[in-house]
Each structure stands twice: as structure tokens, then as C-alpha cells.
Amino acid sequence: MSSAGGGGGGQPTSGHVPDFFIVGHEKCGTTALYKMLRQHPQVFMPEHKEPRFFSWDLRHSPPKPGAELPDTLERYLELFAPAAAGQLVGEASPQYIRSPGAAAQIAAARPDARIIAIFREPASFLRSFHVQAVGSLLETEPDLRAALALEQSRREGRNIPENTHPSWLMYSEHVAYAEQLRRFHAEFGRDQVLPLIYEDYRRDNEGTLARVMRFLGIDETAPLEQIETQREGLTAVRSMPLHRFSRRLRLARNYPERADPLTRAVARLAPRPARRAWRRAAYKAPPPLDAALALEMRRRFKPEVQALGEYIGRDLVALWGYEDV
């Protein structure tokens, strides 16, 4: 792999490429799993949860020198430099599961790596992913049905928000689960890849964590605080202008050197009650998935559910309620 990043081949000459990767999906509990594994004394995971180093093909443009995401192999490996001798090193970039090139790039850098992938019922997954995409300003269409209908025009290069890679908005391609898993099996042995089901994770957090620890070969008796996958609160955008300004304020609080003087002053001086009121004005709880749209999505994605279920030997049609659609 070249030190310039972007997907060259070959082994790095120095540094510790992670021993394991949590590769996705987003909105499927990857953050909770990352936080739990970080507590384990035999594991090191960096504070930066999503380096995304091996998913260059999903970036709108190459990262600039000094950007938050590592732009070279050296910067990537620096994330893992604090690991103690003997610790298992890992990272969690849920974008890897969607990246056509990430599996091969990871295998070129670390062919004996272990891979953890999490899959979720497609309709609920896409609803949550869409809410996140709007909140991240990757998606400008706040209505999920309308966003799904824009896929074809976006494949043709139209209706794509500025600074968004089109692949983020190809919602139907996100749930090509069996194909995504096959990409990793093509590069790694099946015993190196652990597919998990999000609904199992929600139902039995402790049991799923124990399964992950067995897969990684670390002590299952380590006392780890159980962290449930995050429940949605005020995460849907109510007002896009207020949301955009809120992001500017958050940037000013976290990286004041990047913000203009007025925004820095507002971020510093705004009292907590005012910030809470602002948040209520800018955001709302995500509305429930429309029943008619949910049924349409289930009919559309049932072949993907069947394909993944057959591939991993699970009756996902029954588990995810697709029998009668």
C-alpha cells in the first residue's frame, strides 16, 4: 500500500495495521460495539471512530493535507501508535461495507484481519440512514419517499447535493447485503468474517458482545459496561437553516480556529437554556416510517433479504417480517 493512500497494493513497511475491522453498516450499532470493545483491556481502538481510510472510492474528493480523516498511510497508522504491546488493535468505519474497493484494500494491508459486519432490516435501516444523511447535509431531500425516487436521476449525475459522493444517496444499493458480504469473503476466509444481525444485537446485547469477543479471541469475562444501540431522540431536522447554523456553532465549539469571530462568540456566550431551546426549534424526533412506504420498501427489498438469509443460513424473511409482502 502506498504511503499516499488511496488504495495501492502491497504490505506497509512499518506501523500496526489493525487486527480487526468493524465494517458496518451505519445505524446498526457499530458505535455501541466500538465503545464497548474500547473498554476491554486487551483491545485498543482509537478515539477517532471512523478513519474511513480504505473507502476512498466513497469520498467526494481526496482529503486535503491536515484534514480530519487521515490522508496517508503514515497518518492512518499514527491513530494506533498508542496501543500497548500485546493489545488487539481495531477500528470501526461502517462505510467499508458499501465500498466496492475496501475489502481488497484491507486484505492487501492485513490479509489475516478479522471482519465484523452488521446487517439490519432494510426499511428501518434506510429510514435511519436517511435521517442521518439529512442531518449530515449529505442529503437535501428531507422526505424519504422523494429521496428514494431521486436515485435514477442521481445515477445520471443530477440532483446531487454539493460535496456529496453519489454513492451515499443510492439507497437501494446500500441493502445489497449478500453482494457486500461476498466481497469480503472473496478476500478473507469465512472464519475471518463475522456477520451479525442488528435485531439480535438489540435483543441480546450481552450475548452478541460475547460472540464478538470469542470471534476476536479475547477474554469474555472482562467487565465491560453494556451500551445499547443508540435510541433516536431529537435527530430529525425540523429547520434546515437552523440546522446549518447549529453545525457552524458545533464547529466553533470543537474547532474554534476554523470558525469566524461572530460564530465563535455565539458558541462561547450562548447560555445552556438558549442552546436547548434552539435545539428544540431546529430538530424533532424522526417521524415513524409511513406504513405504505414501509410495505413498498419491503416488497422491493425482499429478494435482498432472501439472498442474505440463504447466504448466511438464517431465516431472515421470518425474522424481519417479510413473509407476507
Foldseek 3Di string as FASTA:
>chain_A
DFQQADFDFAEDPDFDDAQAEAADDPPQCLVLLVQQQCVDPQEHEFPPAALVRLQVVFFPDQDDPPDPRDRGPVVVRVRVVPDDPRHHYYHYHNCLLLRLGRLVRSCRHPLNHAYEYEDEQQVVVLLVLLLVCVLVVQADDQDSVVLQVCLVVVVVVPPGDPRGRSSSSPSVSVLLNLVSVVSNCVRHPPLRYHYHYSVVCQVCVLVVSLVVCVSVVHDSPPDTDRDHRDDFFFRGFPDSVLSVLVVLLVCCVVPVVVHDPVSVVCSVPPDPVNVVVSSVNTTGTRDDDDPVVSVVVLVVCVVSQVSVCVVVVHPSCVVSVVPPD
